[in-house]
Structures are given as structure tokens and as C-alpha cells.
Amino acid sequence: MNVSREEVIKVAELARLKLREEEIDKFQRDLNSCFNYFDQLRQVNTEGVEPLHHLLNLRNVTEADEPGECLPREVALRDAPDRTEEFFRMPRVID
């Protein structure tokens, strides 16, 4: 798969990126290099190879998510930059 210059420009517009001319050329070369590598990987025979979930034999070492005692309101609100007596005050995000 080859990425055209127009495709690079279109993706940049969708991502709201302003690219200089030399950046367009560089991204086109870089993306084509990536896709060429993906094509090489597609040609590798993976018949009989079990899929891996992770490259390393790791396991989750986090603790169980158990309910605990709530933080007292005064402590939770203590360092809030804007608050009322009982709540965090946040800027309006929906009109």
C-alpha cells in the first residue's frame, strides 16, 4: 500500500495539523515505510503459532478492588481550587 501526498494532507486536516511542505513529504515517506513493513509481516507464515496476549509472562499484581471506607468530606475538599461547602465546583461544559 502506498500513501499518496493527498492522503497525507487529508489525514493532517482531519487531525487539525498544519504541515509544512517538507513535513508532508517526510510523513509520506515514513508512512509508506511503515506500510511496506506491514506488508512484509503479512508474508510471514504463522501457521500453528499460538497467539500471544503479551510478550512477557507477566501477571496482574494489583490488589483486588474492594470497597473501603470513604474519605471524609473535609479531607477530600481540602485542596480543591474551587468548591462549595459540600461539593467540588467545576466549570460548565454544556450550555
Protein backbone atom coordinates (compact mmCIF):
# COMPACT_ATOMS: atom_id res chain seq x y z
CA MET A 1 0.00 0.00 0.00
CA ASN A 2 1.31 3.40 -0.93
CA VAL A 3 0.14 6.56 0.78
CA SER A 4 -0.32 9.47 -1.59
CA ARG A 5 0.58 13.05 -0.83
CA GLU A 6 -3.13 13.92 -0.95
CA GLU A 7 -3.89 11.25 1.67
CA VAL A 8 -1.24 12.69 3.99
CA ILE A 9 -2.77 16.16 3.57
CA LYS A 10 -6.29 14.82 4.19
CA VAL A 11 -5.27 12.96 7.37
CA ALA A 12 -3.42 16.04 8.60
CA GLU A 13 -6.55 18.13 8.02
CA LEU A 14 -8.69 15.59 9.91
CA ALA A 15 -6.21 15.72 12.79
CA ARG A 16 -6.18 19.52 12.59
CA LEU A 17 -2.45 19.56 11.87
CA LYS A 18 -0.79 22.23 9.78
CA LEU A 19 2.13 20.62 7.97
CA ARG A 20 4.88 22.39 6.08
CA GLU A 21 5.76 21.09 2.61
CA GLU A 22 8.84 19.23 3.83
CA GLU A 23 6.79 17.63 6.62
CA ILE A 24 4.22 16.35 4.12
CA ASP A 25 7.00 14.68 2.13
CA LYS A 26 8.60 13.25 5.27
CA PHE A 27 5.30 11.83 6.59
CA GLN A 28 4.55 10.34 3.19
CA ARG A 29 7.93 8.56 3.16
CA ASP A 30 7.56 7.45 6.81
CA LEU A 31 4.03 6.12 6.35
CA ASN A 32 4.98 4.28 3.17
CA SER A 33 7.92 2.75 5.02
CA CYS A 34 5.61 1.58 7.82
CA PHE A 35 3.06 0.10 5.42
CA ASN A 36 5.81 -1.66 3.46
CA TYR A 37 6.99 -3.23 6.72
CA PHE A 38 3.42 -4.32 7.50
CA ASP A 39 3.29 -5.98 4.08
CA GLN A 40 6.48 -7.88 4.93
CA LEU A 41 4.96 -9.02 8.23
CA ARG A 42 1.82 -10.25 6.42
CA GLN A 43 4.02 -12.60 4.38
CA VAL A 44 5.37 -14.39 7.48
CA ASN A 45 3.98 -17.89 7.86
CA THR A 46 2.21 -18.01 11.23
CA GLU A 47 0.51 -21.37 10.70
CA GLY A 48 0.36 -23.23 14.01
CA VAL A 49 1.67 -20.30 16.06
CA GLU A 50 -0.41 -19.64 19.17
CA PRO A 51 -1.44 -16.00 19.60
CA LEU A 52 0.22 -14.14 22.45
CA HIS A 53 -1.60 -11.84 24.79
CA HIS A 54 1.67 -10.36 25.98
CA LEU A 55 5.30 -10.81 25.02
CA LEU A 56 6.38 -11.36 28.59
CA ASN A 57 4.99 -13.82 31.06
CA LEU A 58 3.51 -11.22 33.39
CA ARG A 59 0.56 -11.37 35.68
CA ASN A 60 -1.57 -8.68 37.23
CA VAL A 61 -0.12 -7.77 40.61
CA THR A 62 -2.72 -5.23 41.64
CA GLU A 63 -4.87 -5.73 44.68
CA ALA A 64 -8.50 -6.70 44.48
CA ASP A 65 -10.88 -3.78 44.09
CA GLU A 66 -12.66 -4.00 47.42
CA PRO A 67 -14.96 -1.31 48.81
CA GLY A 68 -13.41 0.58 51.65
CA GLU A 69 -14.14 3.41 53.98
CA CYS A 70 -14.93 6.73 52.33
CA LEU A 71 -12.62 9.70 52.63
CA PRO A 72 -14.08 12.34 54.96
CA ARG A 73 -15.62 15.23 53.01
CA GLU A 74 -13.40 17.82 54.68
CA VAL A 75 -10.26 15.93 53.65
CA ALA A 76 -11.48 15.35 50.08
CA LEU A 77 -12.37 19.03 49.58
CA ARG A 78 -9.42 20.46 51.49
CA ASP A 79 -7.16 21.16 48.48
CA ALA A 80 -9.88 21.77 45.88
CA PRO A 81 -9.18 25.00 43.98
CA ASP A 82 -12.91 25.83 43.76
CA ARG A 83 -15.57 24.33 45.97
CA THR A 84 -18.76 24.86 47.92
CA GLU A 85 -19.45 23.58 51.44
CA GLU A 86 -20.26 20.13 50.12
CA PHE A 87 -19.04 19.79 46.51
CA PHE A 88 -16.22 20.37 44.05
CA ARG A 89 -17.13 23.26 41.74
CA MET A 90 -16.30 22.66 38.09
CA PRO A 91 -16.52 24.88 35.00
CA ARG A 92 -19.68 24.41 32.92
CA VAL A 93 -19.04 22.15 29.92
CA ILE A 94 -22.57 22.01 28.50
CA ASP A 95 -24.71 25.09 27.94
